[in-house]
Amino acid sequence: MAEAASHSRRSRRRKRSRRLNPDGTMTLIEHIYEFRRRLGYALLALIAGGVFGFIWFQTKLGPVESLGHLMNAPYCGIPADRLLPGTIGPDGSCRLLQSAPFEGIMIQLKVGVAAGAVLTSPLWLYQIWAFIAPGLYSKERKYALTFVGFASVLFACGALLAYLIVPHAFKMLMSFGGDFFTTALTADKYISFVLSLLVIFGVSFELPLLVVMLNFVGVLKYAQLKKWRRGIIFLLFVFAAFATPGSDPFSMLGLAGALTVLFEISIQISRVHDKRKEKARVDEGWDKLSDDEAAPFDYQPTKVEDEPTEPAGKASTDDIT
């Protein structure tokens, strides 16, 4: 039985090997097993990141401040005379208001899991990629890997911009009311506001990447984007006004301005891509063909390379797809 189990494991490894199984073919049950395995690894990475973030919430990592301090920093930027008495500690640190017995630990867990998911994103994104990649052609894998890499960078840039804008937004919002109000934000509402702002900015920064992707696959052309430029920029400002959780102009203008710059960059990338594609068509003579003329394909059959085969006596029914 142990020998059969070892043979089954070797067979599954051969199925996942690009050298022995170049087309990535699997049976349905093998796809389910592979999905379970990749999902398990991704969950382990998220759990490890959550534990690390939970510990980091109250622990300073060398020159890096604790996660709790980083999350409280925008709140601490509010003038002290606007804060509720007692929220400033003896050491000058500001504190959020806890209104429920388990609110502190739940917020620490929520923030820790969110930070851990971002820090371990290369690990669990790789598991998703490893499950999808065998079903893609080599050119598709190259494009997909490039877009995933840029998507991660853009999401991080959007979240960073939101974090830099939050202090100014709070100062703006808390300045209204004069001497009639005292700021006493509960920890749950404050953390939810900051996290939602980070996520909204991060996801919004993916919109220009979507434009580039649609251009590369031929859905959107540069001529269309140039024609729609003013309308799309107007829609970006409308989107920023509704997407930002705060009604302050800082977060709205920050998001709209950044999206406008990124959208203009995506338009220029589309312009260069379409120009290169058109040049390639001219060089190949495609633009001179009439509608009833056959395309200049090479119709000569070519020899298919032999796929690597298993040594005699090593094949089994598990290798048949």
Protein backbone atom coordinates (compact mmCIF):
# COMPACT_ATOMS: atom_id res chain seq x y z
CA MET A 1 0.00 0.00 0.00
CA ALA A 2 2.85 2.36 0.83
CA GLU A 3 4.41 1.63 -2.57
CA ALA A 4 1.11 2.39 -4.32
CA ALA A 5 0.77 5.70 -2.44
CA SER A 6 4.35 6.65 -3.35
CA HIS A 7 3.66 5.78 -7.00
CA SER A 8 0.50 7.92 -6.92
CA ARG A 9 2.45 10.88 -5.54
CA ARG A 10 5.11 10.49 -8.23
CA SER A 11 2.39 10.36 -10.86
CA ARG A 12 0.83 13.61 -9.57
CA ARG A 13 4.23 15.28 -9.56
CA ARG A 14 4.71 14.24 -13.19
CA LYS A 15 1.33 15.78 -14.01
CA ARG A 16 2.48 19.09 -12.51
CA SER A 17 5.88 18.99 -14.20
CA ARG A 18 6.22 21.24 -17.24
CA ARG A 19 9.06 19.04 -18.58
CA LEU A 20 7.16 15.74 -18.43
CA ASN A 21 3.71 17.19 -19.08
CA PRO A 22 4.20 20.26 -21.32
CA ASP A 23 0.50 20.81 -22.09
CA GLY A 24 -0.52 20.61 -18.41
CA THR A 25 -3.32 18.09 -19.05
CA MET A 26 -5.07 16.62 -15.99
CA THR A 27 -8.22 14.72 -15.25
CA LEU A 28 -11.07 16.43 -13.42
CA ILE A 29 -10.25 14.78 -10.10
CA GLU A 30 -6.59 15.75 -10.49
CA HIS A 31 -7.62 19.38 -11.05
CA ILE A 32 -9.68 19.22 -7.84
CA TYR A 33 -6.76 17.77 -5.89
CA GLU A 34 -4.43 20.41 -7.32
CA PHE A 35 -6.88 23.18 -6.43
CA ARG A 36 -7.16 21.84 -2.88
CA ARG A 37 -3.38 21.71 -2.53
CA ARG A 38 -2.85 25.27 -3.83
CA LEU A 39 -5.70 26.60 -1.72
CA GLY A 40 -4.21 24.98 1.37
CA TYR A 41 -0.80 26.57 0.75
CA ALA A 42 -2.44 29.98 0.16
CA LEU A 43 -4.42 29.73 3.41
CA LEU A 44 -1.28 28.75 5.32
CA ALA A 45 0.48 31.85 3.94
CA LEU A 46 -2.46 34.06 4.97
CA ILE A 47 -2.57 32.54 8.46
CA ALA A 48 1.18 33.02 8.91
CA GLY A 49 0.87 36.63 7.73
CA GLY A 50 -2.08 37.22 10.09
CA VAL A 51 -0.10 35.91 13.07
CA PHE A 52 2.84 38.13 12.13
CA GLY A 53 0.56 41.18 11.74
CA PHE A 54 -1.17 40.44 15.06
CA ILE A 55 2.21 40.44 16.83
CA TRP A 56 3.45 43.47 14.89
CA PHE A 57 0.42 45.49 16.02
CA GLN A 58 2.03 46.11 19.45
CA THR A 59 5.68 45.39 18.63
CA LYS A 60 8.21 47.76 17.12
CA LEU A 61 10.40 46.05 14.50
CA GLY A 62 13.71 47.87 14.72
CA PRO A 63 13.38 51.23 12.94
CA VAL A 64 9.84 50.35 11.83
CA GLU A 65 7.10 51.53 14.17
CA SER A 66 4.46 49.16 15.46
CA LEU A 67 1.42 48.59 13.27
CA GLY A 68 -0.86 50.13 15.89
CA HIS A 69 1.25 53.29 15.93
CA LEU A 70 1.14 53.51 12.12
CA MET A 71 -2.65 53.15 12.12
CA ASN A 72 -3.10 55.76 14.90
CA ALA A 73 -0.74 58.28 13.31
CA PRO A 74 -3.41 60.04 11.17
CA TYR A 75 -5.68 60.31 14.24
CA CYS A 76 -2.81 61.71 16.29
CA GLY A 77 -2.37 64.47 13.70
CA ILE A 78 -5.58 66.11 14.95
CA PRO A 79 -4.79 69.10 17.22
CA ALA A 80 -4.79 68.11 20.90
CA ASP A 81 -7.37 70.75 21.83
CA ARG A 82 -9.83 69.04 19.47
CA LEU A 83 -9.48 65.60 21.09
CA LEU A 84 -11.49 64.23 24.00
CA PRO A 85 -9.71 64.71 27.34
CA GLY A 86 -8.10 61.42 28.36
CA THR A 87 -7.25 60.28 24.84
CA ILE A 88 -3.74 61.75 25.26
CA GLY A 89 -1.63 59.45 27.44
CA PRO A 90 0.98 60.54 30.03
CA ASP A 91 3.72 59.92 27.47
CA GLY A 92 1.99 62.17 24.91
CA SER A 93 0.61 59.30 22.82
CA CYS A 94 -2.98 59.52 21.63
CA ARG A 95 -5.43 56.68 22.11
CA LEU A 96 -8.60 55.61 20.39
CA LEU A 97 -11.86 55.13 22.25
CA GLN A 98 -12.79 51.51 22.96
CA SER A 99 -16.55 51.14 23.38
CA ALA A 100 -16.89 47.32 23.67
CA PRO A 101 -15.08 44.67 25.75
CA PHE A 102 -13.66 42.76 22.78
CA GLU A 103 -13.24 45.71 20.44
CA GLY A 104 -9.49 46.03 21.02
CA ILE A 105 -8.57 42.44 20.23
CA MET A 106 -10.93 42.28 17.25
CA ILE A 107 -9.38 45.43 15.75
CA GLN A 108 -5.90 44.09 16.38
CA LEU A 109 -6.89 40.86 14.62
CA LYS A 110 -8.54 42.70 11.71
CA VAL A 111 -5.60 45.02 11.11
CA GLY A 112 -3.09 42.19 11.60
CA VAL A 113 -4.81 39.97 9.03
CA ALA A 114 -5.04 42.84 6.51
CA ALA A 115 -1.35 43.71 6.92
CA GLY A 116 -0.36 40.04 6.82
CA ALA A 117 -2.32 39.50 3.60
CA VAL A 118 -0.44 42.37 1.96
CA LEU A 119 2.97 41.22 3.19
CA THR A 120 2.45 37.59 2.15
CA SER A 121 0.72 38.47 -1.13
CA PRO A 122 3.66 37.13 -3.24
CA LEU A 123 3.18 33.70 -1.60
CA TRP A 124 -0.57 33.27 -2.00
CA LEU A 125 -0.65 35.02 -5.37
CA TYR A 126 1.99 32.54 -6.55
CA GLN A 127 -0.29 29.65 -5.55
CA ILE A 128 -3.11 31.12 -7.63
CA TRP A 129 -0.69 31.66 -10.48
CA ALA A 130 0.66 28.08 -10.23
CA PHE A 131 -2.87 26.70 -10.55
CA ILE A 132 -3.82 28.85 -13.56
CA ALA A 133 -0.51 28.89 -15.47
CA PRO A 134 -0.60 25.28 -16.87
CA GLY A 135 -3.76 26.17 -18.83
CA LEU A 136 -2.15 29.17 -20.56
CA TYR A 137 0.10 29.43 -23.59
CA SER A 138 3.63 30.71 -23.07
CA LYS A 139 2.74 34.17 -24.49
CA GLU A 140 -0.36 34.35 -22.30
CA ARG A 141 1.69 33.39 -19.23
CA LYS A 142 4.18 36.18 -20.01
CA TYR A 143 1.44 38.81 -20.33
CA ALA A 144 -0.47 37.59 -17.29
CA LEU A 145 2.63 37.53 -15.10
CA THR A 146 3.52 41.07 -16.20
CA PHE A 147 0.04 42.40 -15.46
CA VAL A 148 -0.07 40.69 -12.05
CA GLY A 149 3.27 42.25 -11.13
CA PHE A 150 2.15 45.73 -12.16
CA ALA A 151 -1.19 45.24 -10.40
CA SER A 152 0.58 44.51 -7.10
CA VAL A 153 2.79 47.60 -7.44
CA LEU A 154 -0.16 49.85 -8.36
CA PHE A 155 -2.24 48.59 -5.44
CA ALA A 156 0.62 49.32 -3.03
CA CYS A 157 1.09 52.81 -4.51
CA GLY A 158 -2.62 53.55 -4.17
CA ALA A 159 -2.70 52.42 -0.55
CA LEU A 160 0.41 54.49 0.22
CA LEU A 161 -1.14 57.60 -1.35
CA ALA A 162 -4.30 57.08 0.72
CA TYR A 163 -2.23 56.78 3.91
CA LEU A 164 -0.47 60.06 3.14
CA ILE A 165 -3.77 61.82 2.43
CA VAL A 166 -5.65 60.59 5.53
CA PRO A 167 -4.00 63.03 8.03
CA HIS A 168 -4.88 66.04 5.88
CA ALA A 169 -8.40 64.72 5.42
CA PHE A 170 -8.86 64.35 9.16
CA LYS A 171 -7.59 67.85 9.86
CA MET A 172 -10.02 69.19 7.26
CA LEU A 173 -13.01 67.23 8.58
CA MET A 174 -12.33 67.94 12.24
CA SER A 175 -11.91 71.67 11.64
CA PHE A 176 -15.65 72.10 11.09
CA GLY A 177 -17.80 72.96 14.06
CA GLY A 178 -15.38 75.30 15.77
CA ASP A 179 -15.67 74.99 19.56
CA PHE A 180 -18.98 73.13 19.49
CA PHE A 181 -17.56 69.61 18.96
CA THR A 182 -14.92 67.39 20.55
CA THR A 183 -13.38 64.57 18.55
CA ALA A 184 -13.87 61.15 20.18
CA LEU A 185 -13.66 58.56 17.42
CA THR A 186 -14.35 54.97 18.37
CA ALA A 187 -11.61 52.56 17.37
CA ASP A 188 -13.89 50.40 15.23
CA LYS A 189 -15.23 53.27 13.08
CA TYR A 190 -11.82 54.90 12.73
CA ILE A 191 -10.00 51.72 11.69
CA SER A 192 -12.81 50.79 9.30
CA PHE A 193 -12.60 54.23 7.70
CA VAL A 194 -8.82 54.03 7.21
CA LEU A 195 -8.84 50.45 5.89
CA SER A 196 -11.68 51.17 3.47
CA LEU A 197 -9.83 54.23 2.17
CA LEU A 198 -6.65 52.18 1.65
CA VAL A 199 -8.55 49.46 -0.22
CA ILE A 200 -10.52 51.92 -2.37
CA PHE A 201 -7.37 53.76 -3.43
CA GLY A 202 -5.52 50.49 -4.09
CA VAL A 203 -8.29 49.00 -6.22
CA SER A 204 -8.89 52.28 -8.07
CA PHE A 205 -5.27 52.32 -9.17
CA GLU A 206 -5.97 49.13 -11.16
CA LEU A 207 -8.32 50.96 -13.57
CA PRO A 208 -5.55 52.34 -15.86
CA LEU A 209 -3.98 48.87 -15.97
CA LEU A 210 -7.33 47.54 -17.18
CA VAL A 211 -7.26 50.10 -20.00
CA VAL A 212 -3.81 48.93 -21.09
CA MET A 213 -4.86 45.29 -20.96
CA LEU A 214 -7.94 45.95 -23.12
CA ASN A 215 -5.74 47.80 -25.60
CA PHE A 216 -3.24 44.94 -25.81
CA VAL A 217 -5.98 42.41 -26.58
CA GLY A 218 -7.47 44.69 -29.24
CA VAL A 219 -10.70 45.75 -27.50
CA LEU A 220 -9.75 49.44 -27.09
CA LYS A 221 -7.79 51.40 -29.65
CA TYR A 222 -5.76 54.55 -29.09
CA ALA A 223 -8.04 56.50 -31.44
CA GLN A 224 -11.04 55.65 -29.27
CA LEU A 225 -9.25 56.55 -26.04
CA LYS A 226 -8.10 59.86 -27.53
CA LYS A 227 -11.66 60.65 -28.59
CA TRP A 228 -13.11 59.73 -25.18
CA ARG A 229 -10.34 61.34 -23.09
CA ARG A 230 -12.33 64.31 -21.74
CA GLY A 231 -15.42 62.25 -20.94
CA ILE A 232 -13.41 59.58 -19.15
CA ILE A 233 -11.51 62.15 -17.06
CA PHE A 234 -14.84 63.69 -16.05
CA LEU A 235 -16.11 60.23 -15.06
CA LEU A 236 -12.94 59.66 -13.02
CA PHE A 237 -13.70 62.76 -10.95
CA VAL A 238 -17.30 61.62 -10.49
CA PHE A 239 -16.07 58.16 -9.47
CA ALA A 240 -13.62 59.67 -6.95
CA ALA A 241 -16.39 61.78 -5.42
CA PHE A 242 -18.56 58.72 -4.78
CA ALA A 243 -15.81 56.19 -4.00
CA THR A 244 -13.99 58.04 -1.22
CA PRO A 245 -15.64 57.36 2.17
CA GLY A 246 -14.93 60.88 3.43
CA SER A 247 -16.66 63.93 1.98
CA ASP A 248 -13.49 66.02 2.15
CA PRO A 249 -11.95 67.48 -1.01
CA PHE A 250 -8.43 66.22 -0.17
CA SER A 251 -9.14 62.50 -0.63
CA MET A 252 -11.40 63.12 -3.63
CA LEU A 253 -8.94 65.37 -5.47
CA GLY A 254 -6.02 63.12 -4.53
CA LEU A 255 -7.71 60.04 -5.96
CA ALA A 256 -9.06 61.84 -9.05
CA GLY A 257 -5.72 63.51 -9.80
CA ALA A 258 -3.76 60.28 -9.45
CA LEU A 259 -6.24 58.38 -11.64
CA THR A 260 -6.06 61.12 -14.28
CA VAL A 261 -2.27 60.92 -14.42
CA LEU A 262 -2.32 57.12 -14.60
CA PHE A 263 -5.03 57.20 -17.26
CA GLU A 264 -2.95 59.59 -19.38
CA ILE A 265 0.04 57.24 -19.02
CA SER A 266 -2.13 54.32 -20.14
CA ILE A 267 -3.26 56.34 -23.19
CA GLN A 268 0.35 57.01 -24.17
CA ILE A 269 1.22 53.33 -23.72
CA SER A 270 -1.73 52.46 -25.98
CA ARG A 271 -0.52 54.99 -28.55
CA VAL A 272 2.95 53.42 -28.67
CA HIS A 273 1.49 49.89 -28.80
CA ASP A 274 -0.92 50.70 -31.65
CA LYS A 275 1.84 52.47 -33.59
CA ARG A 276 4.09 49.43 -33.32
CA LYS A 277 1.26 47.09 -34.33
CA GLU A 278 0.42 49.24 -37.35
CA LYS A 279 4.10 49.34 -38.37
CA ALA A 280 4.23 45.55 -38.17
CA ARG A 281 1.14 45.28 -40.38
CA VAL A 282 2.71 47.61 -42.96
CA ASP A 283 5.97 45.63 -42.95
CA GLU A 284 4.07 42.37 -43.52
CA GLY A 285 1.86 43.88 -46.22
CA TRP A 286 -1.42 43.18 -44.44
CA ASP A 287 -2.80 46.69 -44.97
CA LYS A 288 -2.59 46.30 -48.77
CA LEU A 289 -4.79 43.20 -48.91
CA SER A 290 -8.29 43.50 -50.34
CA ASP A 291 -11.31 42.01 -48.62
CA ASP A 292 -11.54 39.05 -51.03
CA GLU A 293 -7.80 38.29 -51.04
CA ALA A 294 -6.39 35.39 -49.03
CA ALA A 295 -4.11 36.17 -46.12
CA PRO A 296 -0.41 35.38 -46.74
CA PHE A 297 -0.20 32.45 -44.33
CA ASP A 298 2.33 29.66 -44.68
CA TYR A 299 0.18 26.65 -45.47
CA GLN A 300 3.04 24.16 -45.58
CA PRO A 301 2.65 21.50 -42.87
CA THR A 302 5.36 21.33 -40.27
CA LYS A 303 6.56 18.40 -38.22
CA VAL A 304 5.31 18.22 -34.65
CA GLU A 305 8.05 17.59 -32.13
CA ASP A 306 7.73 14.33 -30.29
CA GLU A 307 6.63 14.76 -26.69
CA PRO A 308 8.79 13.12 -24.02
CA THR A 309 7.55 9.64 -23.22
CA GLU A 310 7.82 7.60 -20.07
CA PRO A 311 10.38 4.79 -19.98
CA ALA A 312 9.04 1.33 -20.68
CA GLY A 313 7.34 -0.20 -17.71
CA LYS A 314 6.79 3.14 -15.94
CA ALA A 315 3.48 4.17 -17.53
CA SER A 316 0.29 3.82 -15.56
CA THR A 317 -3.39 4.54 -16.00
CA ASP A 318 -2.99 7.74 -13.89
CA ASP A 319 -1.02 9.31 -16.79
CA ILE A 320 -3.95 8.94 -19.23
CA THR A 321 -6.02 12.12 -19.54
